[in-house]
Amino acid sequence: MAKATHDRTSQPSRRAFALTGPSVTLDPRTHAVRGDLADVRLAEQVFAPHYAAPLKARALHAISLFSDRNLSEPLAELPAGAAFEVLELAGRHAWGLAIRANLVGYVDRTALDKVSDFDS
């Protein structure tokens, strides 16, 4: 019975590659971009594994905007009725952009009300 042999010369060579194209470094405090997700409106500026279209919402009452998903590091206070563009809902938080504050962060998702349209 003949043994199968692996001839290294017949196997395709592996080449290193790099992703190229438009990508700039944006401030994640003011641009909705993380390592795993970015606002679809930034697709021509940054590369991300996933993009999300914003869902318009309003704060039902005054709420805090946080820099972390544990809702422990406050960035700003948003007044009742403040416009918020949601890009991710996960667990007890929503991640997105507080329009008037021009800040990206996390809020308690139960404090938001979905709206069909609003003036920023």
PDB file of N, CA and C in Angstrom:
ATOM      1  N   MET A   1       0.846  -1.161   0.000  1.00  0.00           N
ATOM      2  CA  MET A   1       0.000   0.000   0.000  1.00  0.00           C
ATOM      3  C   MET A   1       0.900   1.234   0.000  1.00  0.00           C
ATOM      4  N   ALA A   2       0.636   2.161  -0.861  1.00  0.00           N
ATOM      5  CA  ALA A   2       1.456   3.364  -0.977  1.00  0.00           C
ATOM      6  C   ALA A   2       1.021   4.397   0.050  1.00  0.00           C
ATOM      7  N   LYS A   3       2.004   5.095   0.601  1.00  0.00           N
ATOM      8  CA  LYS A   3       1.718   6.154   1.563  1.00  0.00           C
ATOM      9  C   LYS A   3       1.485   7.465   0.825  1.00  0.00           C
ATOM     10  N   ALA A   4       0.523   8.209   1.329  1.00  0.00           N
ATOM     11  CA  ALA A   4       0.284   9.535   0.759  1.00  0.00           C
ATOM     12  C   ALA A   4       1.370  10.476   1.260  1.00  0.00           C
ATOM     13  N   THR A   5       1.903  11.240   0.369  1.00  0.00           N
ATOM     14  CA  THR A   5       2.927  12.205   0.763  1.00  0.00           C
ATOM     15  C   THR A   5       2.434  13.597   0.421  1.00  0.00           C
ATOM     16  N   HIS A   6       2.890  14.540   1.171  1.00  0.00           N
ATOM     17  CA  HIS A   6       2.527  15.937   0.938  1.00  0.00           C
ATOM     18  C   HIS A   6       3.711  16.646   0.312  1.00  0.00           C
ATOM     19  N   ASP A   7       3.537  17.045  -0.889  1.00  0.00           N
ATOM     20  CA  ASP A   7       4.580  17.773  -1.600  1.00  0.00           C
ATOM     21  C   ASP A   7       4.374  19.268  -1.352  1.00  0.00           C
ATOM     22  N   ARG A   8       5.273  19.885  -0.606  1.00  0.00           N
ATOM     23  CA  ARG A   8       5.150  21.308  -0.263  1.00  0.00           C
ATOM     24  C   ARG A   8       5.114  22.207  -1.498  1.00  0.00           C
ATOM     25  N   THR A   9       5.722  21.751  -2.564  1.00  0.00           N
ATOM     26  CA  THR A   9       5.746  22.587  -3.767  1.00  0.00           C
ATOM     27  C   THR A   9       4.388  22.628  -4.455  1.00  0.00           C
ATOM     28  N   SER A  10       3.529  21.671  -4.184  1.00  0.00           N
ATOM     29  CA  SER A  10       2.216  21.667  -4.830  1.00  0.00           C
ATOM     30  C   SER A  10       1.167  22.436  -4.032  1.00  0.00           C
ATOM     31  N   GLN A  11       1.482  22.813  -2.792  1.00  0.00           N
ATOM     32  CA  GLN A  11       0.538  23.570  -1.979  1.00  0.00           C
ATOM     33  C   GLN A  11       0.680  25.050  -2.276  1.00  0.00           C
ATOM     34  N   PRO A  12      -0.457  25.758  -2.311  1.00  0.00           N
ATOM     35  CA  PRO A  12      -0.358  27.192  -2.568  1.00  0.00           C
ATOM     36  C   PRO A  12       0.387  27.888  -1.429  1.00  0.00           C
ATOM     37  N   SER A  13       1.159  28.877  -1.787  1.00  0.00           N
ATOM     38  CA  SER A  13       1.886  29.608  -0.749  1.00  0.00           C
ATOM     39  C   SER A  13       0.935  30.581  -0.066  1.00  0.00           C
ATOM     40  N   ARG A  14       1.192  30.833   1.188  1.00  0.00           N
ATOM     41  CA  ARG A  14       0.378  31.782   1.932  1.00  0.00           C
ATOM     42  C   ARG A  14       1.045  33.141   1.855  1.00  0.00           C
ATOM     43  N   ARG A  15       0.266  34.118   1.527  1.00  0.00           N
ATOM     44  CA  ARG A  15       0.793  35.471   1.449  1.00  0.00           C
ATOM     45  C   ARG A  15       0.148  36.328   2.513  1.00  0.00           C
ATOM     46  N   ALA A  16       0.918  37.212   3.029  1.00  0.00           N
ATOM     47  CA  ALA A  16       0.363  38.183   3.970  1.00  0.00           C
ATOM     48  C   ALA A  16      -0.420  39.209   3.163  1.00  0.00           C
ATOM     49  N   PHE A  17      -1.473  39.706   3.737  1.00  0.00           N
ATOM     50  CA  PHE A  17      -2.233  40.733   3.059  1.00  0.00           C
ATOM     51  C   PHE A  17      -2.654  41.780   4.075  1.00  0.00           C
ATOM     52  N   ALA A  18      -3.019  42.911   3.579  1.00  0.00           N
ATOM     53  CA  ALA A  18      -3.479  44.001   4.433  1.00  0.00           C
ATOM     54  C   ALA A  18      -4.721  44.606   3.808  1.00  0.00           C
ATOM     55  N   LEU A  19      -5.621  45.031   4.662  1.00  0.00           N
ATOM     56  CA  LEU A  19      -6.791  45.732   4.170  1.00  0.00           C
ATOM     57  C   LEU A  19      -6.379  47.153   3.830  1.00  0.00           C
ATOM     58  N   THR A  20      -6.779  47.593   2.683  1.00  0.00           N
ATOM     59  CA  THR A  20      -6.436  48.951   2.279  1.00  0.00           C
ATOM     60  C   THR A  20      -7.709  49.687   1.924  1.00  0.00           C
ATOM     61  N   GLY A  21      -7.607  50.962   1.867  1.00  0.00           N
ATOM     62  CA  GLY A  21      -8.756  51.790   1.533  1.00  0.00           C
ATOM     63  C   GLY A  21      -8.905  52.882   2.556  1.00  0.00           C
ATOM     64  N   PRO A  22     -10.003  53.595   2.460  1.00  0.00           N
ATOM     65  CA  PRO A  22     -10.170  54.732   3.356  1.00  0.00           C
ATOM     66  C   PRO A  22     -10.355  54.305   4.803  1.00  0.00           C
ATOM     67  N   SER A  23      -9.581  54.853   5.674  1.00  0.00           N
ATOM     68  CA  SER A  23      -9.738  54.667   7.104  1.00  0.00           C
ATOM     69  C   SER A  23      -8.951  55.765   7.799  1.00  0.00           C
ATOM     70  N   VAL A  24      -9.621  56.468   8.660  1.00  0.00           N
ATOM     71  CA  VAL A  24      -8.988  57.538   9.412  1.00  0.00           C
ATOM     72  C   VAL A  24      -9.255  57.291  10.887  1.00  0.00           C
ATOM     73  N   THR A  25      -8.488  57.909  11.732  1.00  0.00           N
ATOM     74  CA  THR A  25      -8.713  57.798  13.161  1.00  0.00           C
ATOM     75  C   THR A  25      -9.666  58.908  13.582  1.00  0.00           C
ATOM     76  N   LEU A  26     -10.807  58.507  14.125  1.00  0.00           N
ATOM     77  CA  LEU A  26     -11.809  59.454  14.590  1.00  0.00           C
ATOM     78  C   LEU A  26     -11.910  59.389  16.103  1.00  0.00           C
ATOM     79  N   ASP A  27     -12.299  60.473  16.708  1.00  0.00           N
ATOM     80  CA  ASP A  27     -12.468  60.525  18.154  1.00  0.00           C
ATOM     81  C   ASP A  27     -13.729  59.750  18.531  1.00  0.00           C
ATOM     82  N   PRO A  28     -13.610  58.641  19.266  1.00  0.00           N
ATOM     83  CA  PRO A  28     -14.788  57.840  19.612  1.00  0.00           C
ATOM     84  C   PRO A  28     -15.734  58.534  20.591  1.00  0.00           C
ATOM     85  N   ARG A  29     -15.310  59.662  21.153  1.00  0.00           N
ATOM     86  CA  ARG A  29     -16.222  60.426  22.027  1.00  0.00           C
ATOM     87  C   ARG A  29     -17.221  61.227  21.215  1.00  0.00           C
ATOM     88  N   THR A  30     -16.860  61.562  19.961  1.00  0.00           N
ATOM     89  CA  THR A  30     -17.743  62.372  19.132  1.00  0.00           C
ATOM     90  C   THR A  30     -18.152  61.687  17.831  1.00  0.00           C
ATOM     91  N   HIS A  31     -17.551  60.555  17.537  1.00  0.00           N
ATOM     92  CA  HIS A  31     -17.904  59.771  16.347  1.00  0.00           C
ATOM     93  C   HIS A  31     -18.262  58.360  16.808  1.00  0.00           C
ATOM     94  N   ALA A  32     -19.390  57.869  16.351  1.00  0.00           N
ATOM     95  CA  ALA A  32     -19.880  56.560  16.780  1.00  0.00           C
ATOM     96  C   ALA A  32     -19.105  55.449  16.075  1.00  0.00           C
ATOM     97  N   VAL A  33     -17.927  55.161  16.627  1.00  0.00           N
ATOM     98  CA  VAL A  33     -17.079  54.103  16.084  1.00  0.00           C
ATOM     99  C   VAL A  33     -16.389  53.381  17.239  1.00  0.00           C
ATOM    100  N   ARG A  34     -16.471  52.048  17.192  1.00  0.00           N
ATOM    101  CA  ARG A  34     -15.774  51.193  18.160  1.00  0.00           C
ATOM    102  C   ARG A  34     -15.028  50.142  17.364  1.00  0.00           C
ATOM    103  N   GLY A  35     -14.303  49.279  18.032  1.00  0.00           N
ATOM    104  CA  GLY A  35     -13.577  48.226  17.344  1.00  0.00           C
ATOM    105  C   GLY A  35     -14.474  47.228  16.636  1.00  0.00           C
ATOM    106  N   ASP A  36     -15.706  47.078  17.118  1.00  0.00           N
ATOM    107  CA  ASP A  36     -16.616  46.085  16.560  1.00  0.00           C
ATOM    108  C   ASP A  36     -17.790  46.659  15.770  1.00  0.00           C
ATOM    109  N   LEU A  37     -18.015  47.969  15.853  1.00  0.00           N
ATOM    110  CA  LEU A  37     -19.220  48.556  15.282  1.00  0.00           C
ATOM    111  C   LEU A  37     -19.002  50.026  14.983  1.00  0.00           C
ATOM    112  N   ALA A  38     -19.611  50.485  13.896  1.00  0.00           N
ATOM    113  CA  ALA A  38     -19.541  51.907  13.558  1.00  0.00           C
ATOM    114  C   ALA A  38     -20.863  52.355  12.944  1.00  0.00           C
ATOM    115  N   ASP A  39     -21.123  53.635  13.069  1.00  0.00           N
ATOM    116  CA  ASP A  39     -22.275  54.259  12.423  1.00  0.00           C
ATOM    117  C   ASP A  39     -22.101  54.095  10.917  1.00  0.00           C
ATOM    118  N   VAL A  40     -23.129  53.659  10.229  1.00  0.00           N
ATOM    119  CA  VAL A  40     -23.041  53.433   8.788  1.00  0.00           C
ATOM    120  C   VAL A  40     -22.677  54.721   8.039  1.00  0.00           C
ATOM    121  N   ARG A  41     -22.988  55.860   8.601  1.00  0.00           N
ATOM    122  CA  ARG A  41     -22.641  57.135   7.961  1.00  0.00           C
ATOM    123  C   ARG A  41     -21.138  57.381   7.944  1.00  0.00           C
ATOM    124  N   LEU A  42     -20.380  56.582   8.687  1.00  0.00           N
ATOM    125  CA  LEU A  42     -18.917  56.708   8.720  1.00  0.00           C
ATOM    126  C   LEU A  42     -18.230  55.662   7.837  1.00  0.00           C
ATOM    127  N   ALA A  43     -19.010  54.888   7.085  1.00  0.00           N
ATOM    128  CA  ALA A  43     -18.454  53.776   6.305  1.00  0.00           C
ATOM    129  C   ALA A  43     -17.401  54.207   5.288  1.00  0.00           C
ATOM    130  N   GLU A  44     -17.491  55.410   4.768  1.00  0.00           N
ATOM    131  CA  GLU A  44     -16.484  55.865   3.807  1.00  0.00           C
ATOM    132  C   GLU A  44     -15.224  56.392   4.482  1.00  0.00           C
ATOM    133  N   GLN A  45     -15.265  56.509   5.807  1.00  0.00           N
ATOM    134  CA  GLN A  45     -14.111  57.033   6.546  1.00  0.00           C
ATOM    135  C   GLN A  45     -13.372  55.978   7.348  1.00  0.00           C
ATOM    136  N   VAL A  46     -14.098  54.976   7.854  1.00  0.00           N
ATOM    137  CA  VAL A  46     -13.467  53.971   8.718  1.00  0.00           C
ATOM    138  C   VAL A  46     -13.890  52.571   8.314  1.00  0.00           C
ATOM    139  N   PHE A  47     -13.014  51.614   8.589  1.00  0.00           N
ATOM    140  CA  PHE A  47     -13.335  50.209   8.394  1.00  0.00           C
ATOM    141  C   PHE A  47     -13.801  49.642   9.728  1.00  0.00           C
ATOM    142  N   ALA A  48     -14.914  48.923   9.720  1.00  0.00           N
ATOM    143  CA  ALA A  48     -15.415  48.259  10.920  1.00  0.00           C
ATOM    144  C   ALA A  48     -16.012  46.917  10.505  1.00  0.00           C
ATOM    145  N   PRO A  49     -15.974  45.925  11.399  1.00  0.00           N
ATOM    146  CA  PRO A  49     -16.566  44.632  11.063  1.00  0.00           C
ATOM    147  C   PRO A  49     -18.074  44.709  10.814  1.00  0.00           C
ATOM    148  N   HIS A  50     -18.733  45.656  11.502  1.00  0.00           N
ATOM    149  CA  HIS A  50     -20.178  45.822  11.369  1.00  0.00           C
ATOM    150  C   HIS A  50     -20.518  47.303  11.361  1.00  0.00           C
ATOM    151  N   TYR A  51     -21.574  47.634  10.625  1.00  0.00           N
ATOM    152  CA  TYR A  51     -22.089  48.998  10.590  1.00  0.00           C
ATOM    153  C   TYR A  51     -23.552  48.951  10.992  1.00  0.00           C
ATOM    154  N   ALA A  52     -24.023  50.023  11.634  1.00  0.00           N
ATOM    155  CA  ALA A  52     -25.419  50.099  12.054  1.00  0.00           C
ATOM    156  C   ALA A  52     -26.016  51.423  11.604  1.00  0.00           C
ATOM    157  N   ALA A  53     -27.260  51.358  11.195  1.00  0.00           N
ATOM    158  CA  ALA A  53     -28.012  52.567  10.873  1.00  0.00           C
ATOM    159  C   ALA A  53     -28.673  53.060  12.161  1.00  0.00           C
ATOM    160  N   PRO A  54     -28.663  54.364  12.407  1.00  0.00           N
ATOM    161  CA  PRO A  54     -29.220  54.871  13.662  1.00  0.00           C
ATOM    162  C   PRO A  54     -30.743  54.754  13.727  1.00  0.00           C
ATOM    163  N   LEU A  55     -31.216  54.461  14.920  1.00  0.00           N
ATOM    164  CA  LEU A  55     -32.636  54.434  15.238  1.00  0.00           C
ATOM    165  C   LEU A  55     -32.904  55.675  16.085  1.00  0.00           C
ATOM    166  N   LYS A  56     -33.790  56.527  15.632  1.00  0.00           N
ATOM    167  CA  LYS A  56     -34.059  57.779  16.346  1.00  0.00           C
ATOM    168  C   LYS A  56     -34.874  57.508  17.604  1.00  0.00           C
ATOM    169  N   ALA A  57     -34.446  58.152  18.691  1.00  0.00           N
ATOM    170  CA  ALA A  57     -35.134  58.002  19.974  1.00  0.00           C
ATOM    171  C   ALA A  57     -35.052  59.329  20.730  1.00  0.00           C
ATOM    172  N   ARG A  58     -35.857  59.430  21.774  1.00  0.00           N
ATOM    173  CA  ARG A  58     -35.833  60.591  22.673  1.00  0.00           C
ATOM    174  C   ARG A  58     -35.753  60.090  24.108  1.00  0.00           C
ATOM    175  N   ALA A  59     -35.134  60.908  24.953  1.00  0.00           N
ATOM    176  CA  ALA A  59     -35.077  60.602  26.383  1.00  0.00           C
ATOM    177  C   ALA A  59     -36.453  60.872  26.987  1.00  0.00           C
ATOM    178  N   LEU A  60     -36.998  59.895  27.702  1.00  0.00           N
ATOM    179  CA  LEU A  60     -38.298  60.049  28.346  1.00  0.00           C
ATOM    180  C   LEU A  60     -38.243  61.027  29.515  1.00  0.00           C
ATOM    181  N   HIS A  61     -37.074  61.108  30.123  1.00  0.00           N
ATOM    182  CA  HIS A  61     -36.825  62.016  31.254  1.00  0.00           C
ATOM    183  C   HIS A  61     -35.337  62.332  31.242  1.00  0.00           C
ATOM    184  N   ALA A  62     -34.884  63.192  32.118  1.00  0.00           N
ATOM    185  CA  ALA A  62     -33.448  63.503  32.174  1.00  0.00           C
ATOM    186  C   ALA A  62     -32.675  62.213  32.461  1.00  0.00           C
ATOM    187  N   ILE A  63     -31.616  61.979  31.676  1.00  0.00           N
ATOM    188  CA  ILE A  63     -30.821  60.763  31.828  1.00  0.00           C
ATOM    189  C   ILE A  63     -29.334  61.093  31.737  1.00  0.00           C
ATOM    190  N   SER A  64     -28.533  60.177  32.218  1.00  0.00           N
ATOM    191  CA  SER A  64     -27.086  60.322  32.129  1.00  0.00           C
ATOM    192  C   SER A  64     -26.566  59.576  30.911  1.00  0.00           C
ATOM    193  N   LEU A  65     -25.567  60.152  30.267  1.00  0.00           N
ATOM    194  CA  LEU A  65     -24.835  59.518  29.176  1.00  0.00           C
ATOM    195  C   LEU A  65     -23.521  59.030  29.762  1.00  0.00           C
ATOM    196  N   PHE A  66     -23.187  57.773  29.507  1.00  0.00           N
ATOM    197  CA  PHE A  66     -21.996  57.163  30.097  1.00  0.00           C
ATOM    198  C   PHE A  66     -20.986  56.770  29.029  1.00  0.00           C
ATOM    199  N   SER A  67     -19.718  56.751  29.408  1.00  0.00           N
ATOM    200  CA  SER A  67     -18.660  56.364  28.478  1.00  0.00           C
ATOM    201  C   SER A  67     -18.477  54.852  28.394  1.00  0.00           C
ATOM    202  N   ASP A  68     -19.046  54.105  29.345  1.00  0.00           N
ATOM    203  CA  ASP A  68     -18.845  52.655  29.386  1.00  0.00           C
ATOM    204  C   ASP A  68     -20.174  51.908  29.443  1.00  0.00           C
ATOM    205  N   ARG A  69     -20.135  50.664  29.016  1.00  0.00           N
ATOM    206  CA  ARG A  69     -21.360  49.862  28.976  1.00  0.00           C
ATOM    207  C   ARG A  69     -21.857  49.442  30.351  1.00  0.00           C
ATOM    208  N   ASN A  70     -21.066  49.603  31.377  1.00  0.00           N
ATOM    209  CA  ASN A  70     -21.514  49.304  32.740  1.00  0.00           C
ATOM    210  C   ASN A  70     -22.287  50.464  33.346  1.00  0.00           C
ATOM    211  N   LEU A  71     -22.383  51.554  32.597  1.00  0.00           N
ATOM    212  CA  LEU A  71     -23.086  52.765  33.035  1.00  0.00           C
ATOM    213  C   LEU A  71     -22.513  53.276  34.356  1.00  0.00           C
ATOM    214  N   SER A  72     -21.187  53.316  34.433  1.00  0.00           N
ATOM    215  CA  SER A  72     -20.544  53.753  35.677  1.00  0.00           C
ATOM    216  C   SER A  72     -19.701  55.024  35.522  1.00  0.00           C
ATOM    217  N   GLU A  73     -19.358  55.419  34.283  1.00  0.00           N
ATOM    218  CA  GLU A  73     -18.533  56.606  34.062  1.00  0.00           C
ATOM    219  C   GLU A  73     -19.338  57.660  33.301  1.00  0.00           C
ATOM    220  N   PRO A  74     -19.982  58.603  34.034  1.00  0.00           N
ATOM    221  CA  PRO A  74     -20.837  59.591  33.365  1.00  0.00           C
ATOM    222  C   PRO A  74     -20.054  60.581  32.498  1.00  0.00           C
ATOM    223  N   LEU A  75     -20.630  60.884  31.333  1.00  0.00           N
ATOM    224  CA  LEU A  75     -20.063  61.884  30.421  1.00  0.00           C
ATOM    225  C   LEU A  75     -20.852  63.191  30.455  1.00  0.00           C
ATOM    226  N   ALA A  76     -22.180  63.060  30.486  1.00  0.00           N
ATOM    227  CA  ALA A  76     -23.037  64.239  30.414  1.00  0.00           C
ATOM    228  C   ALA A  76     -24.433  63.886  30.905  1.00  0.00           C
ATOM    229  N   GLU A  77     -25.193  64.921  31.188  1.00  0.00           N
ATOM    230  CA  GLU A  77     -26.603  64.767  31.526  1.00  0.00           C
ATOM    231  C   GLU A  77     -27.417  65.226  30.327  1.00  0.00           C
ATOM    232  N   LEU A  78     -28.371  64.414  29.924  1.00  0.00           N
ATOM    233  CA  LEU A  78     -29.244  64.747  28.813  1.00  0.00           C
ATOM    234  C   LEU A  78     -30.617  65.110  29.369  1.00  0.00           C
ATOM    235  N   PRO A  79     -31.187  66.215  28.906  1.00  0.00           N
ATOM    236  CA  PRO A  79     -32.504  66.617  29.417  1.00  0.00           C
ATOM    237  C   PRO A  79     -33.623  65.741  28.852  1.00  0.00           C
ATOM    238  N   ALA A  80     -34.774  65.794  29.469  1.00  0.00           N
ATOM    239  CA  ALA A  80     -35.951  65.094  28.952  1.00  0.00           C
ATOM    240  C   ALA A  80     -36.199  65.576  27.526  1.00  0.00           C
ATOM    241  N   GLY A  81     -36.509  64.649  26.652  1.00  0.00           N
ATOM    242  CA  GLY A  81     -36.772  64.995  25.261  1.00  0.00           C
ATOM    243  C   GLY A  81     -35.538  65.062  24.384  1.00  0.00           C
ATOM    244  N   ALA A  82     -34.354  64.876  24.950  1.00  0.00           N
ATOM    245  CA  ALA A  82     -33.109  64.947  24.171  1.00  0.00           C
ATOM    246  C   ALA A  82     -33.103  63.865  23.090  1.00  0.00           C
ATOM    247  N   ALA A  83     -32.673  64.258  21.904  1.00  0.00           N
ATOM    248  CA  ALA A  83     -32.568  63.318  20.786  1.00  0.00           C
ATOM    249  C   ALA A  83     -31.352  62.410  20.981  1.00  0.00           C
ATOM    250  N   PHE A  84     -31.555  61.127  20.723  1.00  0.00           N
ATOM    251  CA  PHE A  84     -30.482  60.130  20.850  1.00  0.00           C
ATOM    252  C   PHE A  84     -30.606  59.171  19.685  1.00  0.00           C
ATOM    253  N   GLU A  85     -29.509  58.946  18.966  1.00  0.00           N
ATOM    254  CA  GLU A  85     -29.496  58.009  17.854  1.00  0.00           C
ATOM    255  C   GLU A  85     -28.901  56.690  18.330  1.00  0.00           C
ATOM    256  N   VAL A  86     -29.739  55.675  18.412  1.00  0.00           N
ATOM    257  CA  VAL A  86     -29.336  54.356  18.912  1.00  0.00           C
ATOM    258  C   VAL A  86     -28.681  53.546  17.795  1.00  0.00           C
ATOM    259  N   LEU A  87     -27.492  53.023  18.077  1.00  0.00           N
ATOM    260  CA  LEU A  87     -26.784  52.158  17.140  1.00  0.00           C
ATOM    261  C   LEU A  87     -26.683  50.718  17.638  1.00  0.00           C
ATOM    262  N   GLU A  88     -26.851  50.517  18.945  1.00  0.00           N
ATOM    263  CA  GLU A  88     -26.816  49.165  19.505  1.00  0.00           C
ATOM    264  C   GLU A  88     -27.682  49.113  20.754  1.00  0.00           C
ATOM    265  N   LEU A  89     -28.480  48.063  20.845  1.00  0.00           N
ATOM    266  CA  LEU A  89     -29.228  47.754  22.064  1.00  0.00           C
ATOM    267  C   LEU A  89     -28.690  46.432  22.577  1.00  0.00           C
ATOM    268  N   ALA A  90     -28.202  46.425  23.796  1.00  0.00           N
ATOM    269  CA  ALA A  90     -27.662  45.193  24.376  1.00  0.00           C
ATOM    270  C   ALA A  90     -27.804  45.259  25.892  1.00  0.00           C
ATOM    271  N   GLY A  91     -28.369  44.210  26.454  1.00  0.00           N
ATOM    272  CA  GLY A  91     -28.545  44.193  27.902  1.00  0.00           C
ATOM    273  C   GLY A  91     -29.410  45.347  28.348  1.00  0.00           C
ATOM    274  N   ARG A  92     -28.947  46.066  29.337  1.00  0.00           N
ATOM    275  CA  ARG A  92     -29.733  47.182  29.870  1.00  0.00           C
ATOM    276  C   ARG A  92     -29.351  48.528  29.275  1.00  0.00           C
ATOM    277  N   HIS A  93     -28.516  48.521  28.249  1.00  0.00           N
ATOM    278  CA  HIS A  93     -28.063  49.801  27.717  1.00  0.00           C
ATOM    279  C   HIS A  93     -28.297  49.947  26.220  1.00  0.00           C
ATOM    280  N   ALA A  94     -28.217  51.187  25.792  1.00  0.00           N
ATOM    281  CA  ALA A  94     -28.225  51.527  24.370  1.00  0.00           C
ATOM    282  C   ALA A  94     -26.961  52.338  24.116  1.00  0.00           C
ATOM    283  N   TRP A  95     -26.307  52.072  22.996  1.00  0.00           N
ATOM    284  CA  TRP A  95     -25.107  52.815  22.616  1.00  0.00           C
ATOM    285  C   TRP A  95     -25.436  53.637  21.383  1.00  0.00           C
ATOM    286  N   GLY A  96     -25.011  54.896  21.408  1.00  0.00           N
ATOM    287  CA  GLY A  96     -25.271  55.747  20.262  1.00  0.00           C
ATOM    288  C   GLY A  96     -24.802  57.169  20.479  1.00  0.00           C
ATOM    289  N   LEU A  97     -25.424  58.076  19.734  1.00  0.00           N
ATOM    290  CA  LEU A  97     -25.005  59.474  19.699  1.00  0.00           C
ATOM    291  C   LEU A  97     -26.064  60.378  20.300  1.00  0.00           C
ATOM    292  N   ALA A  98     -25.667  61.153  21.310  1.00  0.00           N
ATOM    293  CA  ALA A  98     -26.525  62.204  21.869  1.00  0.00           C
ATOM    294  C   ALA A  98     -26.351  63.419  20.952  1.00  0.00           C
ATOM    295  N   ILE A  99     -27.391  63.749  20.202  1.00  0.00           N
ATOM    296  CA  ILE A  99     -27.292  64.741  19.137  1.00  0.00           C
ATOM    297  C   ILE A  99     -26.821  66.117  19.620  1.00  0.00           C
ATOM    298  N   ARG A 100     -27.541  66.739  20.519  1.00  0.00           N
ATOM    299  CA  ARG A 100     -27.193  68.116  20.949  1.00  0.00           C
ATOM    300  C   ARG A 100     -25.861  68.170  21.686  1.00  0.00           C
ATOM    301  N   ALA A 101     -25.563  67.157  22.461  1.00  0.00           N
ATOM    302  CA  ALA A 101     -24.296  67.131  23.208  1.00  0.00           C
ATOM    303  C   ALA A 101     -23.130  66.768  22.290  1.00  0.00           C
ATOM    304  N   ASN A 102     -23.433  66.200  21.122  1.00  0.00           N
ATOM    305  CA  ASN A 102     -22.419  65.721  20.178  1.00  0.00           C
ATOM    306  C   ASN A 102     -21.427  64.786  20.873  1.00  0.00           C
ATOM    307  N   LEU A 103     -21.994  63.870  21.654  1.00  0.00           N
ATOM    308  CA  LEU A 103     -21.190  62.883  22.369  1.00  0.00           C
ATOM    309  C   LEU A 103     -21.743  61.496  22.123  1.00  0.00           C
ATOM    310  N   VAL A 104     -20.841  60.529  22.058  1.00  0.00           N
ATOM    311  CA  VAL A 104     -21.207  59.130  21.882  1.00  0.00           C
ATOM    312  C   VAL A 104     -21.065  58.437  23.225  1.00  0.00           C
ATOM    313  N   GLY A 105     -22.038  57.608  23.540  1.00  0.00           N
ATOM    314  CA  GLY A 105     -21.952  56.876  24.789  1.00  0.00           C
ATOM    315  C   GLY A 105     -23.130  55.950  24.985  1.00  0.00           C
ATOM    316  N   TYR A 106     -23.275  55.520  26.215  1.00  0.00           N
ATOM    317  CA  TYR A 106     -24.287  54.548  26.606  1.00  0.00           C
ATOM    318  C   TYR A 106     -25.313  55.210  27.515  1.00  0.00           C
ATOM    319  N   VAL A 107     -26.566  54.805  27.348  1.00  0.00           N
ATOM    320  CA  VAL A 107     -27.641  55.251  28.232  1.00  0.00           C
ATOM    321  C   VAL A 107     -28.462  54.040  28.649  1.00  0.00           C
ATOM    322  N   ASP A 108     -29.241  54.220  29.694  1.00  0.00           N
ATOM    323  CA  ASP A 108     -30.182  53.182  30.118  1.00  0.00           C
ATOM    324  C   ASP A 108     -31.256  53.081  29.038  1.00  0.00           C
ATOM    325  N   ARG A 109     -31.375  51.943  28.401  1.00  0.00           N
ATOM    326  CA  ARG A 109     -32.294  51.795  27.271  1.00  0.00           C
ATOM    327  C   ARG A 109     -33.750  51.969  27.656  1.00  0.00           C
ATOM    328  N   THR A 110     -34.092  51.728  28.928  1.00  0.00           N
ATOM    329  CA  THR A 110     -35.484  51.890  29.347  1.00  0.00           C
ATOM    330  C   THR A 110     -35.878  53.362  29.447  1.00  0.00           C
ATOM    331  N   ALA A 111     -34.915  54.263  29.364  1.00  0.00           N
ATOM    332  CA  ALA A 111     -35.191  55.699  29.448  1.00  0.00           C
ATOM    333  C   ALA A 111     -35.407  56.321  28.067  1.00  0.00           C
ATOM    334  N   LEU A 112     -35.450  55.495  27.019  1.00  0.00           N
ATOM    335  CA  LEU A 112     -35.613  55.996  25.656  1.00  0.00           C
ATOM    336  C   LEU A 112     -36.968  55.608  25.083  1.00  0.00           C
ATOM    337  N   ASP A 113     -37.486  56.494  24.263  1.00  0.00           N
ATOM    338  CA  ASP A 113     -38.721  56.245  23.533  1.00  0.00           C
ATOM    339  C   ASP A 113     -38.432  56.379  22.056  1.00  0.00           C
ATOM    340  N   LYS A 114     -38.754  55.353  21.274  1.00  0.00           N
ATOM    341  CA  LYS A 114     -38.539  55.392  19.825  1.00  0.00           C
ATOM    342  C   LYS A 114     -39.468  56.434  19.214  1.00  0.00           C
ATOM    343  N   VAL A 115     -38.924  57.193  18.272  1.00  0.00           N
ATOM    344  CA  VAL A 115     -39.744  58.172  17.564  1.00  0.00           C
ATOM    345  C   VAL A 115     -39.532  57.987  16.067  1.00  0.00           C
ATOM    346  N   SER A 116     -40.517  58.427  15.289  1.00  0.00           N
ATOM    347  CA  SER A 116     -40.387  58.266  13.843  1.00  0.00           C
ATOM    348  C   SER A 116     -39.561  59.376  13.212  1.00  0.00           C
ATOM    349  N   ASP A 117     -39.562  60.553  13.802  1.00  0.00           N
ATOM    350  CA  ASP A 117     -38.789  61.659  13.257  1.00  0.00           C
ATOM    351  C   ASP A 117     -38.653  62.737  14.324  1.00  0.00           C
ATOM    352  N   PHE A 118     -37.570  63.469  14.305  1.00  0.00           N
ATOM    353  CA  PHE A 118     -37.411  64.598  15.221  1.00  0.00           C
ATOM    354  C   PHE A 118     -36.450  65.594  14.635  1.00  0.00           C
ATOM    355  N   ASP A 119     -36.504  66.807  15.124  1.00  0.00           N
ATOM    356  CA  ASP A 119     -35.545  67.833  14.731  1.00  0.00           C
ATOM    357  C   ASP A 119     -34.349  67.728  15.642  1.00  0.00           C
ATOM    358  N   SER A 120     -33.163  67.729  15.069  1.00  0.00           N
ATOM    359  CA  SER A 120     -31.968  67.668  15.904  1.00  0.00           C
ATOM    360  C   SER A 120     -31.637  69.061  16.317  1.00  0.00           C
TER     361      SER A 120
END
